[in-house]
Amino acid sequence: MTSSGQVIDDDRISRISVASNAVAAIPKSDLTETKSYAAPPQAVKDVLEAVMILVGYKGADLDWKNIKKVIGGTQFLKTIGDIDYEKISQETRAKAMNKVSEYSHESIKAISSATTIFYDWVIAVAKE
């Protein structure tokens, strides 16, 4: 690997670390707010689906009812923190990016501050 490639890798690792720390510090009240949506705004659903994709969920596990159950679980934030980022395939990262590609940090923040933290994490993990 070239030294310039290493700088990119180090930068990505730094972004993932910052984003993961932010996810770990999400207040329980923010998670409660997020899972309280009976029918979330599409942006919230897309961001949380991207999170679920990156942690290994597929297909029917990506419906909102299951997402609410998972994010309400006691191990959800720990699961995100324990991910081996190097083992997430390019295909999985691309699927997650596809879910959030039409959004920006600012557009998500206008909808939900908690979802913004997850959005930033998805971008840090999935973007090359």
N, C-alpha and C. Protein backbone atom coordinates (compact mmCIF):
# COMPACT_ATOMS: atom_id res chain seq x y z
N MET A 1 0.85 -1.18 0.00
CA MET A 1 0.00 0.00 0.00
C MET A 1 0.89 1.24 0.00
N THR A 2 0.53 2.25 -0.75
CA THR A 2 1.32 3.47 -0.81
C THR A 2 1.09 4.32 0.43
N SER A 3 2.01 5.25 0.65
CA SER A 3 1.84 6.12 1.81
C SER A 3 0.58 6.98 1.67
N SER A 4 0.24 7.38 0.43
CA SER A 4 -0.99 8.16 0.27
C SER A 4 -2.22 7.30 0.57
N GLY A 5 -2.15 6.02 0.22
CA GLY A 5 -3.24 5.12 0.57
C GLY A 5 -3.39 4.97 2.06
N GLN A 6 -2.29 4.94 2.76
CA GLN A 6 -2.31 4.83 4.21
C GLN A 6 -2.94 6.06 4.85
N VAL A 7 -2.65 7.25 4.31
CA VAL A 7 -3.24 8.47 4.83
C VAL A 7 -4.76 8.41 4.69
N ILE A 8 -5.23 7.94 3.55
CA ILE A 8 -6.67 7.80 3.35
C ILE A 8 -7.23 6.81 4.35
N ASP A 9 -6.56 5.69 4.53
CA ASP A 9 -7.04 4.70 5.49
C ASP A 9 -7.07 5.28 6.91
N ASP A 10 -6.02 5.99 7.29
CA ASP A 10 -5.97 6.60 8.63
C ASP A 10 -7.09 7.62 8.80
N ASP A 11 -7.34 8.41 7.75
CA ASP A 11 -8.41 9.40 7.81
C ASP A 11 -9.77 8.71 7.97
N ARG A 12 -9.97 7.64 7.24
CA ARG A 12 -11.24 6.91 7.34
C ARG A 12 -11.40 6.30 8.74
N ILE A 13 -10.33 5.74 9.26
CA ILE A 13 -10.38 5.17 10.61
C ILE A 13 -10.73 6.26 11.62
N SER A 14 -10.15 7.43 11.45
CA SER A 14 -10.44 8.55 12.35
C SER A 14 -11.91 8.96 12.26
N ARG A 15 -12.43 9.07 11.04
CA ARG A 15 -13.85 9.43 10.86
C ARG A 15 -14.76 8.40 11.49
N ILE A 16 -14.45 7.13 11.31
CA ILE A 16 -15.27 6.06 11.89
C ILE A 16 -15.22 6.14 13.41
N SER A 17 -14.06 6.38 13.96
CA SER A 17 -13.91 6.48 15.42
C SER A 17 -14.74 7.63 15.98
N VAL A 18 -14.65 8.79 15.37
CA VAL A 18 -15.42 9.94 15.82
C VAL A 18 -16.92 9.65 15.73
N ALA A 19 -17.35 9.11 14.60
CA ALA A 19 -18.78 8.82 14.41
C ALA A 19 -19.26 7.73 15.37
N SER A 20 -18.44 6.72 15.60
CA SER A 20 -18.82 5.64 16.53
C SER A 20 -18.94 6.15 17.96
N ASN A 21 -18.04 7.04 18.34
CA ASN A 21 -18.13 7.64 19.67
C ASN A 21 -19.40 8.47 19.83
N ALA A 22 -19.78 9.17 18.76
CA ALA A 22 -21.02 9.95 18.80
C ALA A 22 -22.24 9.04 18.94
N VAL A 23 -22.22 7.92 18.22
CA VAL A 23 -23.33 6.96 18.33
C VAL A 23 -23.39 6.41 19.75
N ALA A 24 -22.25 6.06 20.31
CA ALA A 24 -22.21 5.50 21.66
C ALA A 24 -22.75 6.48 22.70
N ALA A 25 -22.66 7.77 22.40
CA ALA A 25 -23.10 8.80 23.35
C ALA A 25 -24.52 9.30 23.10
N ILE A 26 -25.23 8.68 22.16
CA ILE A 26 -26.60 9.11 21.89
C ILE A 26 -27.44 8.95 23.16
N PRO A 27 -28.10 10.01 23.59
CA PRO A 27 -28.97 9.90 24.77
C PRO A 27 -30.14 8.94 24.50
N LYS A 28 -30.50 8.23 25.54
CA LYS A 28 -31.62 7.29 25.43
C LYS A 28 -32.88 8.01 24.95
N SER A 29 -33.05 9.25 25.35
CA SER A 29 -34.24 10.00 24.92
C SER A 29 -34.27 10.19 23.41
N ASP A 30 -33.10 10.33 22.78
CA ASP A 30 -33.05 10.46 21.32
C ASP A 30 -33.45 9.15 20.64
N LEU A 31 -32.98 8.03 21.20
CA LEU A 31 -33.39 6.73 20.65
C LEU A 31 -34.89 6.53 20.82
N THR A 32 -35.41 6.93 21.97
CA THR A 32 -36.85 6.82 22.23
C THR A 32 -37.63 7.65 21.22
N GLU A 33 -37.15 8.86 20.96
CA GLU A 33 -37.80 9.72 19.96
C GLU A 33 -37.80 9.04 18.58
N THR A 34 -36.67 8.48 18.21
CA THR A 34 -36.56 7.85 16.89
C THR A 34 -37.49 6.66 16.76
N LYS A 35 -37.54 5.82 17.77
CA LYS A 35 -38.38 4.63 17.66
C LYS A 35 -39.86 4.93 17.92
N SER A 36 -40.18 6.16 18.32
CA SER A 36 -41.58 6.50 18.59
C SER A 36 -42.37 6.75 17.30
N TYR A 37 -41.69 6.93 16.19
CA TYR A 37 -42.40 7.14 14.93
C TYR A 37 -43.21 5.91 14.55
N ALA A 38 -44.50 6.09 14.35
CA ALA A 38 -45.31 5.00 13.81
C ALA A 38 -44.99 4.83 12.33
N ALA A 39 -44.89 5.95 11.66
CA ALA A 39 -44.50 5.98 10.25
C ALA A 39 -43.46 7.10 10.12
N PRO A 40 -42.18 6.75 10.14
CA PRO A 40 -41.14 7.79 10.17
C PRO A 40 -41.04 8.54 8.85
N PRO A 41 -40.48 9.73 8.88
CA PRO A 41 -40.14 10.39 7.62
C PRO A 41 -39.23 9.46 6.82
N GLN A 42 -39.33 9.51 5.51
CA GLN A 42 -38.54 8.60 4.67
C GLN A 42 -37.05 8.70 4.96
N ALA A 43 -36.56 9.89 5.22
CA ALA A 43 -35.14 10.07 5.50
C ALA A 43 -34.72 9.30 6.76
N VAL A 44 -35.53 9.34 7.79
CA VAL A 44 -35.23 8.61 9.03
C VAL A 44 -35.20 7.11 8.74
N LYS A 45 -36.18 6.64 8.02
CA LYS A 45 -36.25 5.21 7.68
C LYS A 45 -35.04 4.80 6.85
N ASP A 46 -34.69 5.60 5.86
CA ASP A 46 -33.55 5.27 5.00
C ASP A 46 -32.24 5.21 5.78
N VAL A 47 -32.03 6.17 6.65
CA VAL A 47 -30.80 6.19 7.44
C VAL A 47 -30.73 4.98 8.37
N LEU A 48 -31.82 4.68 9.04
CA LEU A 48 -31.81 3.52 9.95
C LEU A 48 -31.70 2.20 9.19
N GLU A 49 -32.28 2.13 7.99
CA GLU A 49 -32.08 0.94 7.15
C GLU A 49 -30.61 0.79 6.79
N ALA A 50 -29.95 1.90 6.47
CA ALA A 50 -28.52 1.85 6.14
C ALA A 50 -27.71 1.35 7.34
N VAL A 51 -28.05 1.81 8.53
CA VAL A 51 -27.38 1.32 9.75
C VAL A 51 -27.57 -0.19 9.86
N MET A 52 -28.81 -0.62 9.70
CA MET A 52 -29.12 -2.05 9.83
C MET A 52 -28.35 -2.88 8.79
N ILE A 53 -28.26 -2.37 7.57
CA ILE A 53 -27.50 -3.06 6.52
C ILE A 53 -26.04 -3.21 6.95
N LEU A 54 -25.46 -2.17 7.47
CA LEU A 54 -24.05 -2.21 7.86
C LEU A 54 -23.78 -3.14 9.03
N VAL A 55 -24.78 -3.34 9.89
CA VAL A 55 -24.57 -4.27 11.01
C VAL A 55 -25.01 -5.69 10.68
N GLY A 56 -25.47 -5.90 9.43
CA GLY A 56 -25.69 -7.26 8.96
C GLY A 56 -27.12 -7.69 8.73
N TYR A 57 -28.09 -6.81 8.87
CA TYR A 57 -29.48 -7.18 8.63
C TYR A 57 -29.79 -7.11 7.14
N LYS A 58 -30.76 -7.91 6.71
CA LYS A 58 -31.14 -7.97 5.29
C LYS A 58 -32.64 -8.17 5.17
N GLY A 59 -33.13 -7.93 3.96
CA GLY A 59 -34.50 -8.28 3.59
C GLY A 59 -35.57 -7.81 4.55
N ALA A 60 -36.37 -8.76 5.01
CA ALA A 60 -37.51 -8.45 5.87
C ALA A 60 -37.10 -7.82 7.20
N ASP A 61 -35.84 -8.03 7.60
CA ASP A 61 -35.35 -7.42 8.84
C ASP A 61 -35.25 -5.91 8.74
N LEU A 62 -35.40 -5.37 7.52
CA LEU A 62 -35.27 -3.94 7.32
C LEU A 62 -36.60 -3.20 7.38
N ASP A 63 -37.67 -3.87 7.76
CA ASP A 63 -38.95 -3.16 7.89
C ASP A 63 -38.93 -2.33 9.17
N TRP A 64 -39.74 -1.27 9.19
CA TRP A 64 -39.69 -0.31 10.29
C TRP A 64 -40.01 -0.95 11.63
N LYS A 65 -40.93 -1.88 11.66
CA LYS A 65 -41.29 -2.54 12.92
C LYS A 65 -40.06 -3.25 13.52
N ASN A 66 -39.30 -3.93 12.69
CA ASN A 66 -38.11 -4.61 13.19
C ASN A 66 -37.01 -3.61 13.56
N ILE A 67 -36.86 -2.56 12.76
CA ILE A 67 -35.86 -1.54 13.08
C ILE A 67 -36.14 -0.95 14.45
N LYS A 68 -37.39 -0.62 14.73
CA LYS A 68 -37.75 -0.07 16.04
C LYS A 68 -37.40 -1.04 17.16
N LYS A 69 -37.66 -2.31 16.93
CA LYS A 69 -37.36 -3.33 17.93
C LYS A 69 -35.85 -3.40 18.19
N VAL A 70 -35.08 -3.39 17.12
CA VAL A 70 -33.63 -3.50 17.24
C VAL A 70 -33.04 -2.28 17.93
N ILE A 71 -33.43 -1.07 17.50
CA ILE A 71 -32.84 0.12 18.10
C ILE A 71 -33.29 0.33 19.54
N GLY A 72 -34.39 -0.29 19.90
CA GLY A 72 -34.85 -0.22 21.28
C GLY A 72 -34.21 -1.26 22.18
N GLY A 73 -33.47 -2.17 21.59
CA GLY A 73 -32.83 -3.24 22.36
C GLY A 73 -31.63 -2.73 23.14
N THR A 74 -31.30 -3.44 24.18
CA THR A 74 -30.22 -3.02 25.06
C THR A 74 -28.84 -3.16 24.42
N GLN A 75 -28.71 -3.98 23.39
CA GLN A 75 -27.40 -4.23 22.79
C GLN A 75 -27.15 -3.45 21.50
N PHE A 76 -28.11 -2.65 21.06
CA PHE A 76 -28.00 -1.99 19.76
C PHE A 76 -26.73 -1.13 19.64
N LEU A 77 -26.51 -0.23 20.57
CA LEU A 77 -25.35 0.65 20.48
C LEU A 77 -24.04 -0.13 20.65
N LYS A 78 -24.07 -1.15 21.48
CA LYS A 78 -22.89 -2.01 21.66
C LYS A 78 -22.59 -2.74 20.36
N THR A 79 -23.62 -3.21 19.67
CA THR A 79 -23.43 -3.90 18.40
C THR A 79 -22.72 -3.00 17.40
N ILE A 80 -23.14 -1.76 17.33
CA ILE A 80 -22.49 -0.80 16.42
C ILE A 80 -21.03 -0.61 16.81
N GLY A 81 -20.78 -0.47 18.10
CA GLY A 81 -19.41 -0.26 18.57
C GLY A 81 -18.49 -1.46 18.37
N ASP A 82 -19.07 -2.65 18.31
CA ASP A 82 -18.28 -3.88 18.20
C ASP A 82 -18.03 -4.34 16.78
N ILE A 83 -18.54 -3.62 15.80
CA ILE A 83 -18.40 -4.05 14.41
C ILE A 83 -16.93 -4.04 13.98
N ASP A 84 -16.56 -5.09 13.25
CA ASP A 84 -15.24 -5.12 12.62
C ASP A 84 -15.41 -4.48 11.24
N TYR A 85 -15.10 -3.21 11.16
CA TYR A 85 -15.35 -2.42 9.96
C TYR A 85 -14.65 -2.97 8.73
N GLU A 86 -13.51 -3.59 8.93
CA GLU A 86 -12.75 -4.14 7.80
C GLU A 86 -13.45 -5.32 7.17
N LYS A 87 -14.37 -5.93 7.87
CA LYS A 87 -15.07 -7.10 7.33
C LYS A 87 -16.37 -6.75 6.62
N ILE A 88 -16.72 -5.48 6.58
CA ILE A 88 -17.93 -5.07 5.86
C ILE A 88 -17.57 -5.01 4.38
N SER A 89 -18.27 -5.81 3.59
CA SER A 89 -17.94 -5.91 2.16
C SER A 89 -18.24 -4.61 1.42
N GLN A 90 -17.58 -4.45 0.30
CA GLN A 90 -17.82 -3.30 -0.57
C GLN A 90 -19.29 -3.29 -1.01
N GLU A 91 -19.85 -4.44 -1.28
CA GLU A 91 -21.25 -4.54 -1.69
C GLU A 91 -22.19 -4.04 -0.59
N THR A 92 -21.91 -4.42 0.63
CA THR A 92 -22.73 -3.98 1.77
C THR A 92 -22.60 -2.47 1.97
N ARG A 93 -21.38 -1.96 1.88
CA ARG A 93 -21.18 -0.52 2.01
C ARG A 93 -21.92 0.24 0.91
N ALA A 94 -21.88 -0.30 -0.31
CA ALA A 94 -22.57 0.34 -1.44
C ALA A 94 -24.08 0.35 -1.22
N LYS A 95 -24.64 -0.74 -0.70
CA LYS A 95 -26.08 -0.78 -0.41
C LYS A 95 -26.47 0.27 0.62
N ALA A 96 -25.64 0.40 1.65
CA ALA A 96 -25.92 1.39 2.69
C ALA A 96 -25.82 2.81 2.11
N MET A 97 -24.79 3.07 1.33
CA MET A 97 -24.62 4.40 0.73
C MET A 97 -25.79 4.72 -0.20
N ASN A 98 -26.26 3.73 -0.91
CA ASN A 98 -27.39 3.93 -1.82
C ASN A 98 -28.63 4.41 -1.05
N LYS A 99 -28.81 3.92 0.15
CA LYS A 99 -29.95 4.31 0.98
C LYS A 99 -29.91 5.78 1.39
N VAL A 100 -28.70 6.32 1.55
CA VAL A 100 -28.57 7.68 2.09
C VAL A 100 -27.99 8.69 1.09
N SER A 101 -27.76 8.27 -0.13
CA SER A 101 -27.05 9.12 -1.09
C SER A 101 -27.77 10.42 -1.43
N GLU A 102 -29.07 10.45 -1.31
CA GLU A 102 -29.80 11.68 -1.66
C GLU A 102 -29.86 12.70 -0.53
N TYR A 103 -29.31 12.34 0.63
CA TYR A 103 -29.39 13.21 1.80
C TYR A 103 -28.05 13.84 2.11
N SER A 104 -28.10 14.87 2.94
CA SER A 104 -26.89 15.51 3.46
C SER A 104 -27.03 15.59 4.98
N HIS A 105 -25.93 15.89 5.63
CA HIS A 105 -25.97 16.07 7.09
C HIS A 105 -27.03 17.11 7.46
N GLU A 106 -27.05 18.21 6.72
CA GLU A 106 -27.99 19.30 7.02
C GLU A 106 -29.44 18.89 6.78
N SER A 107 -29.70 18.14 5.70
CA SER A 107 -31.09 17.75 5.43
C SER A 107 -31.62 16.77 6.48
N ILE A 108 -30.75 15.91 6.98
CA ILE A 108 -31.16 14.98 8.03
C ILE A 108 -31.34 15.73 9.35
N LYS A 109 -30.42 16.64 9.64
CA LYS A 109 -30.50 17.40 10.90
C LYS A 109 -31.79 18.19 11.00
N ALA A 110 -32.30 18.66 9.87
CA ALA A 110 -33.56 19.41 9.87
C ALA A 110 -34.74 18.53 10.27
N ILE A 111 -34.56 17.23 10.17
CA ILE A 111 -35.63 16.28 10.50
C ILE A 111 -35.46 15.69 11.89
N SER A 112 -34.23 15.28 12.23
CA SER A 112 -34.01 14.57 13.50
C SER A 112 -32.54 14.62 13.90
N SER A 113 -32.26 15.18 15.07
CA SER A 113 -30.87 15.25 15.52
C SER A 113 -30.29 13.87 15.79
N ALA A 114 -31.08 12.97 16.36
CA ALA A 114 -30.59 11.61 16.62
C ALA A 114 -30.26 10.90 15.32
N THR A 115 -31.11 11.06 14.33
CA THR A 115 -30.87 10.41 13.04
C THR A 115 -29.62 10.98 12.38
N THR A 116 -29.32 12.24 12.64
CA THR A 116 -28.12 12.86 12.08
C THR A 116 -26.87 12.12 12.55
N ILE A 117 -26.84 11.71 13.80
CA ILE A 117 -25.69 10.98 14.34
C ILE A 117 -25.53 9.65 13.61
N PHE A 118 -26.64 8.97 13.38
CA PHE A 118 -26.58 7.71 12.63
C PHE A 118 -26.17 7.95 11.18
N TYR A 119 -26.67 9.02 10.59
CA TYR A 119 -26.30 9.36 9.21
C TYR A 119 -24.79 9.56 9.11
N ASP A 120 -24.23 10.33 10.02
CA ASP A 120 -22.79 10.58 10.01
C ASP A 120 -22.01 9.27 10.16
N TRP A 121 -22.51 8.37 10.99
CA TRP A 121 -21.86 7.07 11.17
C TRP A 121 -21.90 6.27 9.88
N VAL A 122 -23.06 6.23 9.22
CA VAL A 122 -23.19 5.50 7.96
C VAL A 122 -22.18 6.05 6.94
N ILE A 123 -22.11 7.36 6.81
CA ILE A 123 -21.19 7.97 5.85
C ILE A 123 -19.74 7.60 6.21
N ALA A 124 -19.39 7.67 7.47
CA ALA A 124 -18.02 7.35 7.89
C ALA A 124 -17.66 5.90 7.59
N VAL A 125 -18.60 5.00 7.81
CA VAL A 125 -18.34 3.58 7.63
C VAL A 125 -18.43 3.17 6.15
N ALA A 126 -19.41 3.68 5.44
CA ALA A 126 -19.69 3.17 4.10
C ALA A 126 -18.99 3.90 2.97
N LYS A 127 -18.64 5.15 3.18
CA LYS A 127 -18.03 5.93 2.09
C LYS A 127 -16.56 5.59 1.97
N GLU A 128 -16.14 5.35 0.76
CA GLU A 128 -14.71 5.05 0.49
C GLU A 128 -13.87 6.27 0.67
